[in-house]
Amino acid sequence: MSTESAIRTTTDANCIFCKIVAGQIPCHRLFEDGDAIAFLDIAPLADGHALLVPKAHAGRLEDLPPDVVGAVTASLGRVAAAVMKAVGAPGYNVLQNNGAVAGQVVPHVHFHIIPRSANDGLGFRWNAQQRAPEQLAALRSKIGEI
Protein backbone atom coordinates (compact mmCIF):
# COMPACT_ATOMS: atom_id res chain seq x y z
CA MET A 1 0.00 0.00 0.00
CA SER A 2 1.39 3.39 -0.93
CA THR A 3 1.86 6.13 1.65
CA GLU A 4 -0.87 8.17 -0.07
CA SER A 5 -3.45 5.37 0.09
CA ALA A 6 -2.39 4.52 3.65
CA ILE A 7 -3.10 8.06 4.90
CA ARG A 8 -6.55 7.96 3.28
CA THR A 9 -7.48 4.94 5.41
CA THR A 10 -5.65 5.74 8.65
CA THR A 11 -7.74 5.75 11.82
CA ASP A 12 -7.05 6.05 15.54
CA ALA A 13 -9.27 3.90 17.77
CA ASN A 14 -9.00 6.48 20.58
CA CYS A 15 -9.85 9.52 18.43
CA ILE A 16 -13.34 11.01 18.88
CA PHE A 17 -13.40 12.28 15.29
CA CYS A 18 -12.39 8.86 13.93
CA LYS A 19 -15.28 7.40 15.96
CA ILE A 20 -17.66 9.96 14.44
CA VAL A 21 -16.37 9.14 10.93
CA ALA A 22 -16.91 5.43 11.65
CA GLY A 23 -20.46 6.04 12.89
CA GLN A 24 -19.62 4.88 16.43
CA ILE A 25 -20.55 8.29 17.87
CA PRO A 26 -23.59 10.12 16.50
CA CYS A 27 -23.32 13.61 15.04
CA HIS A 28 -25.49 16.17 13.32
CA ARG A 29 -24.02 15.55 9.87
CA LEU A 30 -24.16 18.38 7.36
CA PHE A 31 -22.01 17.01 4.54
CA GLU A 32 -20.08 13.90 3.63
CA ASP A 33 -18.06 12.71 0.66
CA GLY A 34 -15.27 10.19 0.21
CA ASP A 35 -12.64 12.34 1.93
CA ALA A 36 -14.43 14.46 4.53
CA ILE A 37 -17.38 14.88 6.85
CA ALA A 38 -18.89 18.08 8.23
CA PHE A 39 -21.07 18.20 11.32
CA LEU A 40 -22.29 20.66 13.93
CA ASP A 41 -19.96 21.34 16.87
CA ILE A 42 -21.47 20.10 20.17
CA ALA A 43 -19.99 23.11 22.02
CA PRO A 44 -20.55 25.89 19.47
CA LEU A 45 -19.19 29.42 19.62
CA ALA A 46 -22.21 30.50 17.53
CA ASP A 47 -25.33 28.93 16.04
CA GLY A 48 -24.21 26.90 13.03
CA HIS A 49 -20.61 26.40 14.26
CA ALA A 50 -19.56 23.40 12.19
CA LEU A 51 -16.49 21.21 11.88
CA LEU A 52 -15.08 19.89 8.62
CA VAL A 53 -12.96 16.80 9.29
CA PRO A 54 -10.92 14.58 6.97
CA LYS A 55 -11.98 10.96 7.20
CA ALA A 56 -8.31 9.94 7.40
CA HIS A 57 -6.70 10.45 10.78
CA ALA A 58 -3.84 12.93 10.91
CA GLY A 59 -2.92 15.00 13.92
CA ARG A 60 -1.74 18.13 12.12
CA LEU A 61 -2.29 19.74 8.75
CA GLU A 62 1.27 19.06 7.58
CA ASP A 63 0.66 15.33 8.23
CA LEU A 64 -1.87 15.16 5.38
CA PRO A 65 -0.68 14.86 1.79
CA PRO A 66 -1.48 17.99 -0.26
CA ASP A 67 -4.05 16.18 -2.42
CA VAL A 68 -5.95 15.09 0.70
CA VAL A 69 -5.87 18.66 2.06
CA GLY A 70 -7.20 19.83 -1.31
CA ALA A 71 -9.95 17.22 -1.37
CA VAL A 72 -11.06 18.09 2.16
CA THR A 73 -10.92 21.87 1.79
CA ALA A 74 -12.74 21.78 -1.55
CA SER A 75 -16.00 21.60 0.41
CA LEU A 76 -15.23 24.40 2.91
CA GLY A 77 -17.02 27.10 0.92
CA ARG A 78 -20.01 24.88 0.22
CA VAL A 79 -20.49 24.02 3.90
CA ALA A 80 -19.91 27.63 5.00
CA ALA A 81 -22.44 28.99 2.50
CA ALA A 82 -25.13 26.53 3.63
CA VAL A 83 -24.52 27.31 7.31
CA MET A 84 -24.50 31.09 6.75
CA LYS A 85 -27.76 30.89 4.81
CA ALA A 86 -29.42 28.76 7.49
CA VAL A 87 -28.45 31.03 10.41
CA GLY A 88 -28.59 34.33 8.53
CA ALA A 89 -24.96 35.22 9.24
CA PRO A 90 -23.31 37.81 7.00
CA GLY A 91 -19.81 36.38 7.55
CA TYR A 92 -17.80 33.53 9.01
CA ASN A 93 -14.37 32.57 10.25
CA VAL A 94 -12.51 29.43 9.24
CA LEU A 95 -10.21 28.35 12.03
CA GLN A 96 -7.73 25.49 11.89
CA ASN A 97 -5.40 24.86 14.86
CA ASN A 98 -2.26 22.69 14.90
CA GLY A 99 -0.88 21.61 18.26
CA ALA A 100 -2.10 22.20 21.80
CA VAL A 101 -0.22 25.49 22.11
CA ALA A 102 -2.25 26.76 19.13
CA GLY A 103 -5.54 25.73 20.75
CA GLN A 104 -6.01 22.31 19.14
CA VAL A 105 -8.04 20.20 21.57
CA VAL A 106 -8.74 17.14 19.40
CA PRO A 107 -5.53 15.90 17.73
CA HIS A 108 -7.22 15.16 14.40
CA VAL A 109 -7.09 17.78 11.65
CA HIS A 110 -10.31 19.78 11.54
CA PHE A 111 -11.59 23.11 10.31
CA HIS A 112 -14.00 25.21 12.36
CA ILE A 113 -16.58 27.15 10.36
CA ILE A 114 -17.89 29.81 12.72
CA PRO A 115 -20.76 32.03 11.54
CA ARG A 116 -20.31 35.68 12.52
CA SER A 117 -22.57 38.69 12.83
CA ALA A 118 -22.08 42.23 14.07
CA ASN A 119 -21.91 42.48 17.85
CA ASP A 120 -21.94 38.70 18.31
CA GLY A 121 -19.60 39.03 21.30
CA LEU A 122 -17.06 36.56 19.96
CA GLY A 123 -14.35 39.16 19.53
CA PHE A 124 -11.23 38.93 17.50
CA ARG A 125 -7.69 39.18 18.79
CA TRP A 126 -4.98 39.91 16.28
CA ASN A 127 -2.04 41.49 18.02
CA ALA A 128 -0.03 42.40 14.94
CA GLN A 129 3.52 43.61 15.49
CA GLN A 130 5.73 45.64 13.20
CA ARG A 131 9.00 44.18 11.92
CA ALA A 132 11.87 45.99 10.26
CA PRO A 133 12.69 44.90 6.69
CA GLU A 134 16.03 43.45 7.86
CA GLN A 135 14.26 41.32 10.50
CA LEU A 136 11.90 39.98 7.85
CA ALA A 137 14.83 39.30 5.51
CA ALA A 138 16.67 37.37 8.24
CA LEU A 139 13.59 35.28 8.99
CA ARG A 140 13.02 34.62 5.29
CA SER A 141 16.60 33.38 5.03
CA LYS A 142 16.14 31.12 8.05
CA ILE A 143 12.98 29.59 6.57
CA GLY A 144 14.67 28.95 3.21
CA GLU A 145 13.00 27.75 0.03
CA ILE A 146 9.77 25.82 0.41
C-alpha atoms as a PDB file:
ATOM      1  CA  MET A   1       0.000   0.000   0.000  1.00  0.00           C
ATOM      2  CA  SER A   2       1.386   3.393  -0.935  1.00  0.00           C
ATOM      3  CA  THR A   3       1.860   6.134   1.654  1.00  0.00           C
ATOM      4  CA  GLU A   4      -0.872   8.165  -0.066  1.00  0.00           C
ATOM      5  CA  SER A   5      -3.447   5.372   0.092  1.00  0.00           C
ATOM      6  CA  ALA A   6      -2.387   4.518   3.648  1.00  0.00           C
ATOM      7  CA  ILE A   7      -3.099   8.057   4.899  1.00  0.00           C
ATOM      8  CA  ARG A   8      -6.555   7.957   3.284  1.00  0.00           C
ATOM      9  CA  THR A   9      -7.482   4.940   5.413  1.00  0.00           C
ATOM     10  CA  THR A  10      -5.654   5.740   8.650  1.00  0.00           C
ATOM     11  CA  THR A  11      -7.744   5.746  11.821  1.00  0.00           C
ATOM     12  CA  ASP A  12      -7.050   6.051  15.538  1.00  0.00           C
ATOM     13  CA  ALA A  13      -9.267   3.902  17.767  1.00  0.00           C
ATOM     14  CA  ASN A  14      -9.003   6.481  20.577  1.00  0.00           C
ATOM     15  CA  CYS A  15      -9.852   9.520  18.432  1.00  0.00           C
ATOM     16  CA  ILE A  16     -13.337  11.012  18.882  1.00  0.00           C
ATOM     17  CA  PHE A  17     -13.404  12.284  15.292  1.00  0.00           C
ATOM     18  CA  CYS A  18     -12.393   8.860  13.927  1.00  0.00           C
ATOM     19  CA  LYS A  19     -15.279   7.398  15.959  1.00  0.00           C
ATOM     20  CA  ILE A  20     -17.663   9.964  14.437  1.00  0.00           C
ATOM     21  CA  VAL A  21     -16.374   9.143  10.933  1.00  0.00           C
ATOM     22  CA  ALA A  22     -16.912   5.426  11.648  1.00  0.00           C
ATOM     23  CA  GLY A  23     -20.458   6.036  12.891  1.00  0.00           C
ATOM     24  CA  GLN A  24     -19.616   4.880  16.427  1.00  0.00           C
ATOM     25  CA  ILE A  25     -20.552   8.287  17.873  1.00  0.00           C
ATOM     26  CA  PRO A  26     -23.587  10.121  16.502  1.00  0.00           C
ATOM     27  CA  CYS A  27     -23.317  13.609  15.044  1.00  0.00           C
ATOM     28  CA  HIS A  28     -25.490  16.166  13.318  1.00  0.00           C
ATOM     29  CA  ARG A  29     -24.018  15.552   9.874  1.00  0.00           C
ATOM     30  CA  LEU A  30     -24.157  18.375   7.359  1.00  0.00           C
ATOM     31  CA  PHE A  31     -22.014  17.009   4.539  1.00  0.00           C
ATOM     32  CA  GLU A  32     -20.077  13.901   3.628  1.00  0.00           C
ATOM     33  CA  ASP A  33     -18.062  12.711   0.663  1.00  0.00           C
ATOM     34  CA  GLY A  34     -15.266  10.192   0.207  1.00  0.00           C
ATOM     35  CA  ASP A  35     -12.644  12.339   1.932  1.00  0.00           C
ATOM     36  CA  ALA A  36     -14.429  14.461   4.535  1.00  0.00           C
ATOM     37  CA  ILE A  37     -17.377  14.884   6.846  1.00  0.00           C
ATOM     38  CA  ALA A  38     -18.887  18.081   8.234  1.00  0.00           C
ATOM     39  CA  PHE A  39     -21.069  18.202  11.320  1.00  0.00           C
ATOM     40  CA  LEU A  40     -22.290  20.658  13.929  1.00  0.00           C
ATOM     41  CA  ASP A  41     -19.963  21.336  16.869  1.00  0.00           C
ATOM     42  CA  ILE A  42     -21.466  20.098  20.172  1.00  0.00           C
ATOM     43  CA  ALA A  43     -19.989  23.113  22.021  1.00  0.00           C
ATOM     44  CA  PRO A  44     -20.550  25.887  19.474  1.00  0.00           C
ATOM     45  CA  LEU A  45     -19.191  29.417  19.619  1.00  0.00           C
ATOM     46  CA  ALA A  46     -22.208  30.500  17.529  1.00  0.00           C
ATOM     47  CA  ASP A  47     -25.333  28.928  16.040  1.00  0.00           C
ATOM     48  CA  GLY A  48     -24.210  26.897  13.034  1.00  0.00           C
ATOM     49  CA  HIS A  49     -20.614  26.401  14.255  1.00  0.00           C
ATOM     50  CA  ALA A  50     -19.561  23.399  12.191  1.00  0.00           C
ATOM     51  CA  LEU A  51     -16.489  21.213  11.878  1.00  0.00           C
ATOM     52  CA  LEU A  52     -15.077  19.886   8.617  1.00  0.00           C
ATOM     53  CA  VAL A  53     -12.962  16.803   9.289  1.00  0.00           C
ATOM     54  CA  PRO A  54     -10.923  14.583   6.972  1.00  0.00           C
ATOM     55  CA  LYS A  55     -11.976  10.963   7.201  1.00  0.00           C
ATOM     56  CA  ALA A  56      -8.315   9.938   7.404  1.00  0.00           C
ATOM     57  CA  HIS A  57      -6.698  10.450  10.784  1.00  0.00           C
ATOM     58  CA  ALA A  58      -3.842  12.928  10.911  1.00  0.00           C
ATOM     59  CA  GLY A  59      -2.917  15.003  13.921  1.00  0.00           C
ATOM     60  CA  ARG A  60      -1.741  18.128  12.117  1.00  0.00           C
ATOM     61  CA  LEU A  61      -2.288  19.739   8.750  1.00  0.00           C
ATOM     62  CA  GLU A  62       1.266  19.057   7.584  1.00  0.00           C
ATOM     63  CA  ASP A  63       0.663  15.333   8.231  1.00  0.00           C
ATOM     64  CA  LEU A  64      -1.868  15.163   5.383  1.00  0.00           C
ATOM     65  CA  PRO A  65      -0.684  14.865   1.788  1.00  0.00           C
ATOM     66  CA  PRO A  66      -1.478  17.994  -0.260  1.00  0.00           C
ATOM     67  CA  ASP A  67      -4.051  16.180  -2.417  1.00  0.00           C
ATOM     68  CA  VAL A  68      -5.953  15.092   0.702  1.00  0.00           C
ATOM     69  CA  VAL A  69      -5.873  18.657   2.058  1.00  0.00           C
ATOM     70  CA  GLY A  70      -7.204  19.832  -1.310  1.00  0.00           C
ATOM     71  CA  ALA A  71      -9.954  17.219  -1.366  1.00  0.00           C
ATOM     72  CA  VAL A  72     -11.061  18.093   2.164  1.00  0.00           C
ATOM     73  CA  THR A  73     -10.925  21.871   1.794  1.00  0.00           C
ATOM     74  CA  ALA A  74     -12.738  21.777  -1.554  1.00  0.00           C
ATOM     75  CA  SER A  75     -16.002  21.595   0.409  1.00  0.00           C
ATOM     76  CA  LEU A  76     -15.229  24.399   2.908  1.00  0.00           C
ATOM     77  CA  GLY A  77     -17.020  27.099   0.917  1.00  0.00           C
ATOM     78  CA  ARG A  78     -20.012  24.885   0.219  1.00  0.00           C
ATOM     79  CA  VAL A  79     -20.490  24.020   3.896  1.00  0.00           C
ATOM     80  CA  ALA A  80     -19.907  27.631   5.001  1.00  0.00           C
ATOM     81  CA  ALA A  81     -22.441  28.986   2.499  1.00  0.00           C
ATOM     82  CA  ALA A  82     -25.126  26.532   3.634  1.00  0.00           C
ATOM     83  CA  VAL A  83     -24.524  27.306   7.311  1.00  0.00           C
ATOM     84  CA  MET A  84     -24.501  31.085   6.749  1.00  0.00           C
ATOM     85  CA  LYS A  85     -27.761  30.893   4.805  1.00  0.00           C
ATOM     86  CA  ALA A  86     -29.417  28.759   7.492  1.00  0.00           C
ATOM     87  CA  VAL A  87     -28.449  31.029  10.408  1.00  0.00           C
ATOM     88  CA  GLY A  88     -28.588  34.334   8.532  1.00  0.00           C
ATOM     89  CA  ALA A  89     -24.958  35.220   9.240  1.00  0.00           C
ATOM     90  CA  PRO A  90     -23.305  37.815   6.999  1.00  0.00           C
ATOM     91  CA  GLY A  91     -19.808  36.384   7.549  1.00  0.00           C
ATOM     92  CA  TYR A  92     -17.803  33.527   9.007  1.00  0.00           C
ATOM     93  CA  ASN A  93     -14.365  32.574  10.254  1.00  0.00           C
ATOM     94  CA  VAL A  94     -12.513  29.433   9.236  1.00  0.00           C
ATOM     95  CA  LEU A  95     -10.205  28.353  12.029  1.00  0.00           C
ATOM     96  CA  GLN A  96      -7.726  25.488  11.893  1.00  0.00           C
ATOM     97  CA  ASN A  97      -5.401  24.865  14.860  1.00  0.00           C
ATOM     98  CA  ASN A  98      -2.259  22.691  14.902  1.00  0.00           C
ATOM     99  CA  GLY A  99      -0.878  21.609  18.260  1.00  0.00           C
ATOM    100  CA  ALA A 100      -2.100  22.197  21.800  1.00  0.00           C
ATOM    101  CA  VAL A 101      -0.217  25.488  22.109  1.00  0.00           C
ATOM    102  CA  ALA A 102      -2.249  26.759  19.128  1.00  0.00           C
ATOM    103  CA  GLY A 103      -5.543  25.725  20.750  1.00  0.00           C
ATOM    104  CA  GLN A 104      -6.014  22.312  19.142  1.00  0.00           C
ATOM    105  CA  VAL A 105      -8.044  20.202  21.569  1.00  0.00           C
ATOM    106  CA  VAL A 106      -8.740  17.137  19.404  1.00  0.00           C
ATOM    107  CA  PRO A 107      -5.532  15.900  17.729  1.00  0.00           C
ATOM    108  CA  HIS A 108      -7.222  15.161  14.403  1.00  0.00           C
ATOM    109  CA  VAL A 109      -7.090  17.784  11.646  1.00  0.00           C
ATOM    110  CA  HIS A 110     -10.312  19.784  11.541  1.00  0.00           C
ATOM    111  CA  PHE A 111     -11.592  23.107  10.306  1.00  0.00           C
ATOM    112  CA  HIS A 112     -13.997  25.205  12.360  1.00  0.00           C
ATOM    113  CA  ILE A 113     -16.579  27.149  10.361  1.00  0.00           C
ATOM    114  CA  ILE A 114     -17.893  29.809  12.722  1.00  0.00           C
ATOM    115  CA  PRO A 115     -20.762  32.029  11.543  1.00  0.00           C
ATOM    116  CA  ARG A 116     -20.309  35.681  12.517  1.00  0.00           C
ATOM    117  CA  SER A 117     -22.568  38.693  12.831  1.00  0.00           C
ATOM    118  CA  ALA A 118     -22.082  42.233  14.065  1.00  0.00           C
ATOM    119  CA  ASN A 119     -21.910  42.480  17.851  1.00  0.00           C
ATOM    120  CA  ASP A 120     -21.936  38.697  18.308  1.00  0.00           C
ATOM    121  CA  GLY A 121     -19.600  39.033  21.296  1.00  0.00           C
ATOM    122  CA  LEU A 122     -17.062  36.556  19.961  1.00  0.00           C
ATOM    123  CA  GLY A 123     -14.348  39.156  19.533  1.00  0.00           C
ATOM    124  CA  PHE A 124     -11.229  38.926  17.496  1.00  0.00           C
ATOM    125  CA  ARG A 125      -7.692  39.181  18.793  1.00  0.00           C
ATOM    126  CA  TRP A 126      -4.981  39.909  16.284  1.00  0.00           C
ATOM    127  CA  ASN A 127      -2.040  41.487  18.024  1.00  0.00           C
ATOM    128  CA  ALA A 128      -0.033  42.396  14.939  1.00  0.00           C
ATOM    129  CA  GLN A 129       3.521  43.610  15.486  1.00  0.00           C
ATOM    130  CA  GLN A 130       5.730  45.645  13.201  1.00  0.00           C
ATOM    131  CA  ARG A 131       9.004  44.176  11.917  1.00  0.00           C
ATOM    132  CA  ALA A 132      11.866  45.995  10.261  1.00  0.00           C
ATOM    133  CA  PRO A 133      12.689  44.900   6.694  1.00  0.00           C
ATOM    134  CA  GLU A 134      16.035  43.449   7.862  1.00  0.00           C
ATOM    135  CA  GLN A 135      14.256  41.324  10.503  1.00  0.00           C
ATOM    136  CA  LEU A 136      11.902  39.975   7.851  1.00  0.00           C
ATOM    137  CA  ALA A 137      14.830  39.297   5.510  1.00  0.00           C
ATOM    138  CA  ALA A 138      16.674  37.367   8.241  1.00  0.00           C
ATOM    139  CA  LEU A 139      13.593  35.280   8.992  1.00  0.00           C
ATOM    140  CA  ARG A 140      13.024  34.624   5.291  1.00  0.00           C
ATOM    141  CA  SER A 141      16.603  33.376   5.034  1.00  0.00           C
ATOM    142  CA  LYS A 142      16.140  31.117   8.048  1.00  0.00           C
ATOM    143  CA  ILE A 143      12.978  29.586   6.573  1.00  0.00           C
ATOM    144  CA  GLY A 144      14.669  28.952   3.208  1.00  0.00           C
ATOM    145  CA  GLU A 145      13.002  27.752   0.032  1.00  0.00           C
ATOM    146  CA  ILE A 146       9.769  25.818   0.412  1.00  0.00           C
END
